[in-house]
Amino acid sequence: MIKCFPPLKGDTKVGNLDWDAINLGFKLVIDLIKKDCKNICLIQLGGLSGKEISYFAKTFSESEFIYADIFEETTSYAKSKFNNSKY
């Protein structure tokens, strides 16, 4: 079970690999947002739990985030948590 998100390096395994090693895209997105956080919009389609987009919305409050999921309950919950996101 993941204690924090994103998990600390070496804290969570997925199979035989560290979570950090298999989620290279996560670091890529962070680096991309950091380049110009005021002029970027991140869109997550099929957001499921919203854990990833929630992390980015909290970390980069100056950026804009759009989150979409087929289940309205999921987007309603996420909408109640973040002001810099659209659902």
C-alpha atoms as a PDB file:
ATOM      1  CA  MET A   1       0.000   0.000   0.000  1.00  0.00           C
ATOM      2  CA  ILE A   2       1.280   3.455  -0.903  1.00  0.00           C
ATOM      3  CA  LYS A   3       1.701   5.626   2.220  1.00  0.00           C
ATOM      4  CA  CYS A   4       2.173   8.914   0.385  1.00  0.00           C
ATOM      5  CA  PHE A   5       1.841   9.979  -3.212  1.00  0.00           C
ATOM      6  CA  PRO A   6       4.026   9.934  -5.092  1.00  0.00           C
ATOM      7  CA  PRO A   7       5.771   7.261  -3.048  1.00  0.00           C
ATOM      8  CA  LEU A   8       9.279   7.948  -1.864  1.00  0.00           C
ATOM      9  CA  LYS A   9      12.015   6.323  -3.911  1.00  0.00           C
ATOM     10  CA  GLY A  10      12.556   2.767  -2.659  1.00  0.00           C
ATOM     11  CA  ASP A  11       9.313   2.779  -0.645  1.00  0.00           C
ATOM     12  CA  THR A  12       6.954   1.003  -3.073  1.00  0.00           C
ATOM     13  CA  LYS A  13       7.574  -1.907  -5.442  1.00  0.00           C
ATOM     14  CA  VAL A  14       5.536  -2.845  -8.489  1.00  0.00           C
ATOM     15  CA  GLY A  15       6.553  -6.398  -9.157  1.00  0.00           C
ATOM     16  CA  ASN A  16      10.341  -6.411  -8.868  1.00  0.00           C
ATOM     17  CA  LEU A  17      10.750  -2.747  -9.811  1.00  0.00           C
ATOM     18  CA  ASP A  18      10.604   0.402  -7.740  1.00  0.00           C
ATOM     19  CA  TRP A  19       7.560   2.623  -8.397  1.00  0.00           C
ATOM     20  CA  ASP A  20       9.921   5.457  -9.285  1.00  0.00           C
ATOM     21  CA  ALA A  21      11.605   3.337 -11.978  1.00  0.00           C
ATOM     22  CA  ILE A  22       8.389   2.442 -13.796  1.00  0.00           C
ATOM     23  CA  ASN A  23       6.747   5.869 -13.653  1.00  0.00           C
ATOM     24  CA  LEU A  24       9.215   7.896 -15.655  1.00  0.00           C
ATOM     25  CA  GLY A  25       6.364   9.884 -17.157  1.00  0.00           C
ATOM     26  CA  PHE A  26       5.574  11.319 -13.742  1.00  0.00           C
ATOM     27  CA  LYS A  27       8.978  13.023 -13.529  1.00  0.00           C
ATOM     28  CA  LEU A  28       8.652  14.118 -17.155  1.00  0.00           C
ATOM     29  CA  VAL A  29       5.349  15.887 -16.373  1.00  0.00           C
ATOM     30  CA  ILE A  30       6.868  17.582 -13.311  1.00  0.00           C
ATOM     31  CA  ASP A  31       9.808  18.849 -15.382  1.00  0.00           C
ATOM     32  CA  LEU A  32       7.446  20.064 -18.120  1.00  0.00           C
ATOM     33  CA  ILE A  33       5.241  22.008 -15.698  1.00  0.00           C
ATOM     34  CA  LYS A  34       8.256  23.548 -13.949  1.00  0.00           C
ATOM     35  CA  LYS A  35       9.410  25.117 -17.229  1.00  0.00           C
ATOM     36  CA  ASP A  36       6.427  27.481 -17.317  1.00  0.00           C
ATOM     37  CA  CYS A  37       3.863  26.652 -14.641  1.00  0.00           C
ATOM     38  CA  LYS A  38       1.693  29.712 -15.324  1.00  0.00           C
ATOM     39  CA  ASN A  39       1.151  28.870 -18.985  1.00  0.00           C
ATOM     40  CA  ILE A  40       0.425  25.165 -18.948  1.00  0.00           C
ATOM     41  CA  CYS A  41      -2.736  23.107 -18.848  1.00  0.00           C
ATOM     42  CA  LEU A  42      -2.538  19.412 -17.986  1.00  0.00           C
ATOM     43  CA  ILE A  43      -5.424  17.185 -19.087  1.00  0.00           C
ATOM     44  CA  GLN A  44      -6.002  13.759 -17.547  1.00  0.00           C
ATOM     45  CA  LEU A  45      -8.514  11.548 -19.321  1.00  0.00           C
ATOM     46  CA  GLY A  46      -9.844   8.540 -17.444  1.00  0.00           C
ATOM     47  CA  GLY A  47      -8.589   9.914 -14.159  1.00  0.00           C
ATOM     48  CA  LEU A  48      -9.946   7.108 -11.949  1.00  0.00           C
ATOM     49  CA  SER A  49      -9.049   8.047  -8.365  1.00  0.00           C
ATOM     50  CA  GLY A  50      -7.626  11.416  -9.377  1.00  0.00           C
ATOM     51  CA  LYS A  51      -4.516  10.760  -7.299  1.00  0.00           C
ATOM     52  CA  GLU A  52      -2.092  11.952  -9.976  1.00  0.00           C
ATOM     53  CA  ILE A  53      -3.953  15.083 -11.036  1.00  0.00           C
ATOM     54  CA  SER A  54      -4.596  15.913  -7.371  1.00  0.00           C
ATOM     55  CA  TYR A  55      -0.885  15.771  -6.669  1.00  0.00           C
ATOM     56  CA  PHE A  56      -0.111  18.083  -9.590  1.00  0.00           C
ATOM     57  CA  ALA A  57      -2.938  20.517  -8.689  1.00  0.00           C
ATOM     58  CA  LYS A  58      -1.661  20.811  -5.110  1.00  0.00           C
ATOM     59  CA  THR A  59       1.978  21.104  -6.124  1.00  0.00           C
ATOM     60  CA  PHE A  60       1.499  23.526  -9.022  1.00  0.00           C
ATOM     61  CA  SER A  61      -1.359  25.792  -7.959  1.00  0.00           C
ATOM     62  CA  GLU A  62      -0.495  28.346 -10.679  1.00  0.00           C
ATOM     63  CA  SER A  63      -1.138  25.809 -13.447  1.00  0.00           C
ATOM     64  CA  GLU A  64      -4.490  24.728 -14.863  1.00  0.00           C
ATOM     65  CA  PHE A  65      -5.715  21.137 -14.768  1.00  0.00           C
ATOM     66  CA  ILE A  66      -8.569  19.377 -16.551  1.00  0.00           C
ATOM     67  CA  TYR A  67      -9.720  16.032 -15.244  1.00  0.00           C
ATOM     68  CA  ALA A  68     -12.231  13.767 -16.967  1.00  0.00           C
ATOM     69  CA  ASP A  69     -13.719  10.438 -16.033  1.00  0.00           C
ATOM     70  CA  ILE A  70     -16.797   8.526 -17.114  1.00  0.00           C
ATOM     71  CA  PHE A  71     -18.097   8.391 -13.527  1.00  0.00           C
ATOM     72  CA  GLU A  72     -19.633  11.654 -12.331  1.00  0.00           C
ATOM     73  CA  GLU A  73     -19.087  10.747  -8.659  1.00  0.00           C
ATOM     74  CA  THR A  74     -15.354  10.645  -9.284  1.00  0.00           C
ATOM     75  CA  THR A  75     -15.197  14.071 -10.862  1.00  0.00           C
ATOM     76  CA  SER A  76     -17.564  15.541  -8.252  1.00  0.00           C
ATOM     77  CA  TYR A  77     -15.237  14.439  -5.471  1.00  0.00           C
ATOM     78  CA  ALA A  78     -12.182  15.872  -7.220  1.00  0.00           C
ATOM     79  CA  LYS A  79     -14.024  19.126  -7.944  1.00  0.00           C
ATOM     80  CA  SER A  80     -14.671  19.635  -4.240  1.00  0.00           C
ATOM     81  CA  LYS A  81     -10.932  19.478  -3.501  1.00  0.00           C
ATOM     82  CA  PHE A  82      -9.196  21.784  -6.004  1.00  0.00           C
ATOM     83  CA  ASN A  83      -9.893  25.307  -7.267  1.00  0.00           C
ATOM     84  CA  ASN A  84      -7.373  25.310 -10.115  1.00  0.00           C
ATOM     85  CA  SER A  85      -8.947  22.351 -11.899  1.00  0.00           C
ATOM     86  CA  LYS A  86     -11.864  21.832 -14.300  1.00  0.00           C
ATOM     87  CA  TYR A  87     -13.956  18.659 -14.353  1.00  0.00           C
END
